[in-house]
N, C-alpha and C. Protein backbone atom coordinates (compact mmCIF):
# COMPACT_ATOMS: atom_id res chain seq x y z
N MET A 1 50.40 -105.07 60.10
CA MET A 1 50.82 -105.00 61.48
C MET A 1 50.76 -103.55 61.94
N ARG A 2 50.27 -103.37 63.12
CA ARG A 2 50.16 -102.04 63.69
C ARG A 2 51.54 -101.51 64.05
N SER A 3 51.81 -100.25 63.70
CA SER A 3 53.15 -99.73 63.92
C SER A 3 53.29 -98.89 65.18
N ARG A 4 52.18 -98.53 65.80
CA ARG A 4 52.26 -97.71 67.01
C ARG A 4 51.03 -97.97 67.87
N ARG A 5 51.10 -97.55 69.11
CA ARG A 5 49.93 -97.71 69.96
C ARG A 5 48.92 -96.63 69.61
N PRO A 6 47.63 -96.89 69.79
CA PRO A 6 46.64 -95.87 69.47
C PRO A 6 46.73 -94.71 70.46
N SER A 7 46.54 -93.51 69.95
CA SER A 7 46.53 -92.34 70.83
C SER A 7 45.14 -92.20 71.43
N GLY A 8 45.00 -91.27 72.35
CA GLY A 8 43.68 -91.01 72.93
C GLY A 8 42.69 -90.58 71.87
N GLU A 9 43.13 -89.78 70.91
CA GLU A 9 42.24 -89.35 69.83
C GLU A 9 41.85 -90.52 68.94
N ASP A 10 42.77 -91.46 68.70
CA ASP A 10 42.44 -92.66 67.93
C ASP A 10 41.34 -93.45 68.63
N ILE A 11 41.45 -93.57 69.94
CA ILE A 11 40.45 -94.30 70.71
C ILE A 11 39.10 -93.60 70.63
N LEU A 12 39.10 -92.27 70.72
CA LEU A 12 37.87 -91.50 70.62
C LEU A 12 37.22 -91.69 69.25
N LYS A 13 38.02 -91.64 68.19
CA LYS A 13 37.50 -91.81 66.83
C LYS A 13 36.96 -93.22 66.62
N ALA A 14 37.59 -94.20 67.22
CA ALA A 14 37.10 -95.57 67.09
C ALA A 14 35.81 -95.77 67.89
N GLN A 15 35.72 -95.13 69.02
CA GLN A 15 34.55 -95.27 69.88
C GLN A 15 33.35 -94.51 69.32
N ALA A 16 33.57 -93.47 68.52
CA ALA A 16 32.48 -92.65 68.00
C ALA A 16 31.44 -93.44 67.23
N PRO A 17 31.81 -94.38 66.36
CA PRO A 17 30.78 -95.16 65.68
C PRO A 17 30.30 -96.35 66.51
N ALA A 18 30.44 -96.27 67.83
CA ALA A 18 29.98 -97.30 68.76
C ALA A 18 30.80 -98.59 68.65
N ALA A 19 32.10 -98.44 68.63
CA ALA A 19 32.98 -99.61 68.63
C ALA A 19 32.84 -100.35 69.96
N ASP A 20 32.92 -101.66 69.91
CA ASP A 20 32.86 -102.45 71.13
C ASP A 20 34.18 -102.44 71.87
N SER A 21 35.28 -102.30 71.12
CA SER A 21 36.59 -102.29 71.74
C SER A 21 37.58 -101.56 70.83
N VAL A 22 38.69 -101.20 71.43
CA VAL A 22 39.79 -100.56 70.70
C VAL A 22 41.04 -101.36 71.04
N PRO A 23 41.81 -101.78 70.04
CA PRO A 23 42.94 -102.67 70.31
C PRO A 23 44.10 -101.99 71.05
N THR A 24 44.13 -102.16 72.35
CA THR A 24 45.24 -101.64 73.16
C THR A 24 45.85 -102.74 74.02
N GLY A 25 45.30 -103.94 73.95
CA GLY A 25 45.72 -105.03 74.84
C GLY A 25 47.17 -105.43 74.71
N ARG A 26 47.68 -105.48 73.48
CA ARG A 26 49.06 -105.92 73.30
C ARG A 26 50.03 -105.00 74.04
N ASP A 27 49.79 -103.70 73.94
CA ASP A 27 50.67 -102.75 74.61
C ASP A 27 50.63 -102.92 76.13
N ILE A 28 49.42 -103.13 76.65
CA ILE A 28 49.28 -103.32 78.09
C ILE A 28 49.96 -104.61 78.53
N LEU A 29 49.81 -105.67 77.72
CA LEU A 29 50.48 -106.93 78.05
C LEU A 29 51.99 -106.80 78.02
N TYR A 30 52.53 -106.06 77.05
CA TYR A 30 53.98 -105.84 77.02
C TYR A 30 54.44 -105.11 78.28
N GLY A 31 53.67 -104.08 78.67
CA GLY A 31 54.02 -103.36 79.89
C GLY A 31 53.96 -104.26 81.11
N PHE A 32 52.91 -105.07 81.17
CA PHE A 32 52.75 -105.99 82.30
C PHE A 32 53.85 -107.03 82.30
N GLY A 33 54.18 -107.55 81.12
CA GLY A 33 55.24 -108.56 81.03
C GLY A 33 56.60 -108.02 81.44
N GLY A 34 56.82 -106.74 81.18
CA GLY A 34 58.11 -106.15 81.50
C GLY A 34 58.31 -105.90 82.98
N THR A 35 57.35 -105.23 83.60
CA THR A 35 57.52 -104.86 85.00
C THR A 35 56.24 -105.04 85.82
N GLY A 36 55.37 -105.92 85.37
CA GLY A 36 54.18 -106.23 86.15
C GLY A 36 53.14 -105.12 86.13
N GLN A 37 52.46 -104.97 87.24
CA GLN A 37 51.37 -104.01 87.34
C GLN A 37 51.86 -102.58 87.10
N VAL A 38 53.04 -102.26 87.53
CA VAL A 38 53.61 -100.93 87.31
C VAL A 38 53.78 -100.66 85.82
N GLY A 39 54.23 -101.65 85.08
CA GLY A 39 54.41 -101.50 83.63
C GLY A 39 53.09 -101.31 82.91
N ALA A 40 52.06 -102.07 83.31
CA ALA A 40 50.74 -101.91 82.70
C ALA A 40 50.19 -100.53 83.01
N ALA A 41 50.35 -100.07 84.22
CA ALA A 41 49.88 -98.73 84.60
C ALA A 41 50.63 -97.66 83.81
N HIS A 42 51.90 -97.92 83.52
CA HIS A 42 52.72 -96.98 82.75
C HIS A 42 52.19 -96.84 81.32
N VAL A 43 51.56 -97.88 80.79
CA VAL A 43 50.97 -97.83 79.45
C VAL A 43 49.58 -97.20 79.51
N ILE A 44 48.79 -97.53 80.52
CA ILE A 44 47.41 -97.05 80.62
C ILE A 44 47.35 -95.56 80.94
N HIS A 45 48.23 -95.07 81.79
CA HIS A 45 48.17 -93.67 82.23
C HIS A 45 48.23 -92.67 81.06
N PRO A 46 49.16 -92.80 80.10
CA PRO A 46 49.17 -91.85 78.98
C PRO A 46 47.89 -91.92 78.14
N LEU A 47 47.35 -93.12 77.95
CA LEU A 47 46.11 -93.23 77.19
C LEU A 47 44.97 -92.49 77.88
N LYS A 48 44.87 -92.66 79.19
CA LYS A 48 43.84 -91.98 79.96
C LYS A 48 44.02 -90.47 79.88
N THR A 49 45.25 -90.01 80.02
CA THR A 49 45.55 -88.58 79.95
C THR A 49 45.22 -88.02 78.57
N GLU A 50 45.57 -88.77 77.50
CA GLU A 50 45.30 -88.31 76.14
C GLU A 50 43.81 -88.28 75.83
N LEU A 51 43.02 -89.08 76.51
CA LEU A 51 41.58 -89.11 76.29
C LEU A 51 40.84 -87.99 77.03
N GLU A 52 41.41 -87.51 78.11
CA GLU A 52 40.71 -86.53 78.94
C GLU A 52 40.38 -85.24 78.19
N ARG A 53 41.32 -84.70 77.45
CA ARG A 53 41.08 -83.44 76.76
C ARG A 53 40.05 -83.56 75.63
N PRO A 54 40.20 -84.52 74.68
CA PRO A 54 39.19 -84.62 73.63
C PRO A 54 37.79 -84.94 74.17
N MET A 55 37.71 -85.58 75.33
CA MET A 55 36.40 -85.84 75.92
C MET A 55 35.86 -84.62 76.65
N ALA A 56 36.74 -83.84 77.24
CA ALA A 56 36.29 -82.67 78.00
C ALA A 56 35.81 -81.53 77.10
N LEU A 57 36.43 -81.37 75.94
CA LEU A 57 36.06 -80.26 75.06
C LEU A 57 34.58 -80.26 74.67
N PRO A 58 34.00 -81.39 74.23
CA PRO A 58 32.57 -81.37 73.93
C PRO A 58 31.70 -81.63 75.16
N GLY A 59 32.31 -81.89 76.32
CA GLY A 59 31.55 -82.08 77.55
C GLY A 59 31.09 -83.51 77.80
N THR A 60 31.74 -84.48 77.18
CA THR A 60 31.36 -85.87 77.45
C THR A 60 31.98 -86.33 78.75
N ARG A 61 31.22 -87.11 79.51
CA ARG A 61 31.71 -87.58 80.80
C ARG A 61 32.14 -89.04 80.79
N SER A 62 31.64 -89.81 79.81
CA SER A 62 32.03 -91.21 79.75
C SER A 62 32.14 -91.63 78.28
N MET A 63 32.73 -92.79 78.07
CA MET A 63 32.87 -93.31 76.71
C MET A 63 31.51 -93.60 76.09
N LEU A 64 30.51 -93.86 76.91
CA LEU A 64 29.16 -94.14 76.40
C LEU A 64 28.51 -92.90 75.79
N ASP A 65 28.99 -91.71 76.17
CA ASP A 65 28.41 -90.46 75.65
C ASP A 65 28.97 -90.06 74.29
N ILE A 66 30.01 -90.72 73.83
CA ILE A 66 30.67 -90.35 72.58
C ILE A 66 29.84 -90.84 71.39
N THR A 67 29.59 -89.93 70.45
CA THR A 67 28.86 -90.26 69.23
C THR A 67 29.68 -89.78 68.03
N PRO A 68 29.31 -90.18 66.80
CA PRO A 68 30.03 -89.69 65.62
C PRO A 68 30.00 -88.16 65.50
N ASP A 69 29.02 -87.50 66.12
CA ASP A 69 28.95 -86.04 66.08
C ASP A 69 30.11 -85.38 66.83
N HIS A 70 30.78 -86.11 67.69
CA HIS A 70 31.90 -85.56 68.44
C HIS A 70 33.20 -85.53 67.65
N VAL A 71 33.21 -86.13 66.47
CA VAL A 71 34.43 -86.19 65.65
C VAL A 71 34.25 -85.30 64.43
N ARG A 72 35.14 -84.36 64.26
CA ARG A 72 35.03 -83.42 63.15
C ARG A 72 35.34 -84.08 61.81
N ASP A 73 36.34 -84.93 61.77
CA ASP A 73 36.79 -85.57 60.53
C ASP A 73 35.99 -86.85 60.30
N ARG A 74 34.92 -86.76 59.53
CA ARG A 74 34.05 -87.92 59.29
C ARG A 74 34.77 -89.06 58.60
N GLU A 75 35.75 -88.75 57.75
CA GLU A 75 36.52 -89.80 57.06
C GLU A 75 37.30 -90.62 58.08
N ALA A 76 37.80 -89.98 59.11
CA ALA A 76 38.53 -90.69 60.14
C ALA A 76 37.61 -91.67 60.86
N VAL A 77 36.37 -91.28 61.08
CA VAL A 77 35.42 -92.17 61.74
C VAL A 77 35.12 -93.36 60.83
N ARG A 78 34.92 -93.12 59.55
CA ARG A 78 34.61 -94.20 58.61
C ARG A 78 35.75 -95.21 58.51
N ALA A 79 36.98 -94.77 58.76
CA ALA A 79 38.13 -95.68 58.68
C ALA A 79 38.05 -96.76 59.75
N TYR A 80 37.32 -96.52 60.84
CA TYR A 80 37.22 -97.48 61.92
C TYR A 80 35.98 -98.36 61.81
N ILE A 81 35.11 -98.10 60.83
CA ILE A 81 33.90 -98.91 60.66
C ILE A 81 34.23 -100.05 59.70
N PRO A 82 34.02 -101.31 60.14
CA PRO A 82 34.36 -102.44 59.25
C PRO A 82 33.45 -102.54 58.05
């Protein structure tokens, strides 16, 4: 069982080997279930903010531009490859 929500860096590391998705849905559903659209936005906003810096440093503009070369820790990338 997952013990915490993924951080922006976790999402970047998962996306680097061309992941189709990153599991964040449960957290968004909990936020939505608690206070509706405001709650879901409350969960999404920190993820978006945490992703902005790691994406800006190498100059990537979208998730499609992320490659394994953008992640320094290759072992971390391999952990997300099934």
